[in-house]
Protein backbone atom coordinates (compact mmCIF):
# COMPACT_ATOMS: atom_id res chain seq x y z
CA MET A 1 -187.75 -30.57 28.92
CA PRO A 2 -185.85 -33.13 26.37
CA ALA A 3 -182.77 -32.33 24.49
CA GLU A 4 -183.02 -31.74 21.03
CA PHE A 5 -181.42 -34.28 18.40
CA THR A 6 -181.02 -34.15 14.62
CA PHE A 7 -180.75 -36.98 12.78
CA GLU A 8 -180.33 -38.29 8.65
CA ILE A 9 -181.32 -41.33 7.45
CA LYS A 10 -178.06 -42.10 4.92
CA GLU A 11 -179.67 -45.19 3.55
CA GLU A 12 -182.37 -46.75 3.74
CA ILE A 13 -181.27 -51.09 4.64
CA GLY A 14 -184.28 -52.65 4.43
CA LYS A 15 -187.84 -53.48 6.24
CA LEU A 16 -188.32 -56.07 9.06
CA SER A 17 -191.92 -55.90 8.87
CA GLU A 18 -194.42 -53.45 8.11
CA ARG A 19 -197.89 -53.04 10.59
CA LYS A 20 -201.48 -51.85 9.00
CA ASN A 21 -201.11 -48.63 10.49
CA GLY A 22 -198.17 -47.66 7.98
CA TRP A 23 -195.44 -47.68 10.60
CA SER A 24 -192.34 -49.98 9.95
CA ARG A 25 -190.00 -51.80 11.63
CA GLU A 26 -186.56 -50.73 9.70
CA VAL A 27 -182.79 -51.22 9.40
CA ASN A 28 -181.12 -47.73 8.11
CA LEU A 29 -177.76 -45.92 8.57
CA ILE A 30 -178.27 -43.11 10.20
CA SER A 31 -176.20 -39.77 11.33
CA TRP A 32 -177.68 -39.00 14.78
CA ASN A 33 -176.32 -34.77 15.50
CA GLY A 34 -174.04 -34.96 12.42
CA GLY A 35 -171.86 -37.71 13.68
CA GLU A 36 -170.47 -40.95 11.74
CA PRO A 37 -173.39 -42.74 10.63
CA LYS A 38 -174.40 -45.95 11.98
CA ILE A 39 -176.68 -49.29 11.82
CA ASP A 40 -180.09 -48.25 13.45
CA ILE A 41 -182.80 -50.73 14.56
CA ARG A 42 -186.31 -49.33 15.31
CA ASP A 43 -190.08 -48.17 14.18
CA TRP A 44 -190.49 -45.27 11.76
CA SER A 45 -194.13 -44.02 10.11
CA ALA A 46 -193.99 -44.26 6.87
CA ASP A 47 -193.29 -40.79 6.32
CA HIS A 48 -190.11 -41.03 8.81
CA GLU A 49 -191.21 -37.88 10.75
CA LYS A 50 -191.82 -40.06 13.68
CA MET A 51 -189.86 -42.75 15.03
CA GLY A 52 -190.35 -45.18 18.27
CA LYS A 53 -187.68 -46.29 20.45
CA GLY A 54 -184.64 -48.72 18.56
CA ILE A 55 -181.05 -49.57 18.84
CA THR A 56 -177.94 -48.05 17.01
CA LEU A 57 -175.15 -50.44 16.70
CA THR A 58 -171.54 -49.23 15.49
CA ASP A 59 -170.24 -50.90 12.60
CA GLU A 60 -168.21 -53.70 14.90
CA GLU A 61 -171.40 -54.19 16.80
CA SER A 62 -173.37 -55.03 13.67
CA GLU A 63 -170.83 -57.33 12.01
CA ILE A 64 -170.77 -59.20 15.90
CA LEU A 65 -174.76 -59.19 15.97
CA ALA A 66 -174.96 -60.51 12.19
CA GLN A 67 -172.48 -63.54 13.34
CA LEU A 68 -174.64 -64.12 16.55
CA LEU A 69 -177.79 -64.99 14.55
CA ILE A 70 -175.88 -66.78 11.67
CA ALA A 71 -174.37 -68.79 14.37
CA TYR A 72 -177.80 -69.22 16.08
CA THR A 73 -179.91 -70.35 12.93
CA GLN A 74 -177.66 -72.68 12.27
CA LYS A 75 -177.43 -74.58 15.39
CA ASP A 76 -180.24 -76.94 15.07
CA ASP A 77 -178.88 -77.72 11.16
C-alpha cells in the first residue's frame, strides 16, 4: 500500500504548458507533508486534485537551474 502524503500549494508561480484535456505543466511553491515549501515542476489536473510525476527543487537548486538555463539559451548569441 502506498504511503500517505499531504501537499499544500503555497504559491502558483506559472504554467509552462496546457493540454487540451485540461492538464497543465506548472511551476509552483509546494509544502510536502508540512515541510519547508520548495519549487515544484509537474503536471496537474485543472482542479489540482490529481498530479503527474514531477521534480521538486530546493531554493539553491532552483537558482542553479535558472543560471544553467540562461547560459544555455545565450550560448549561440
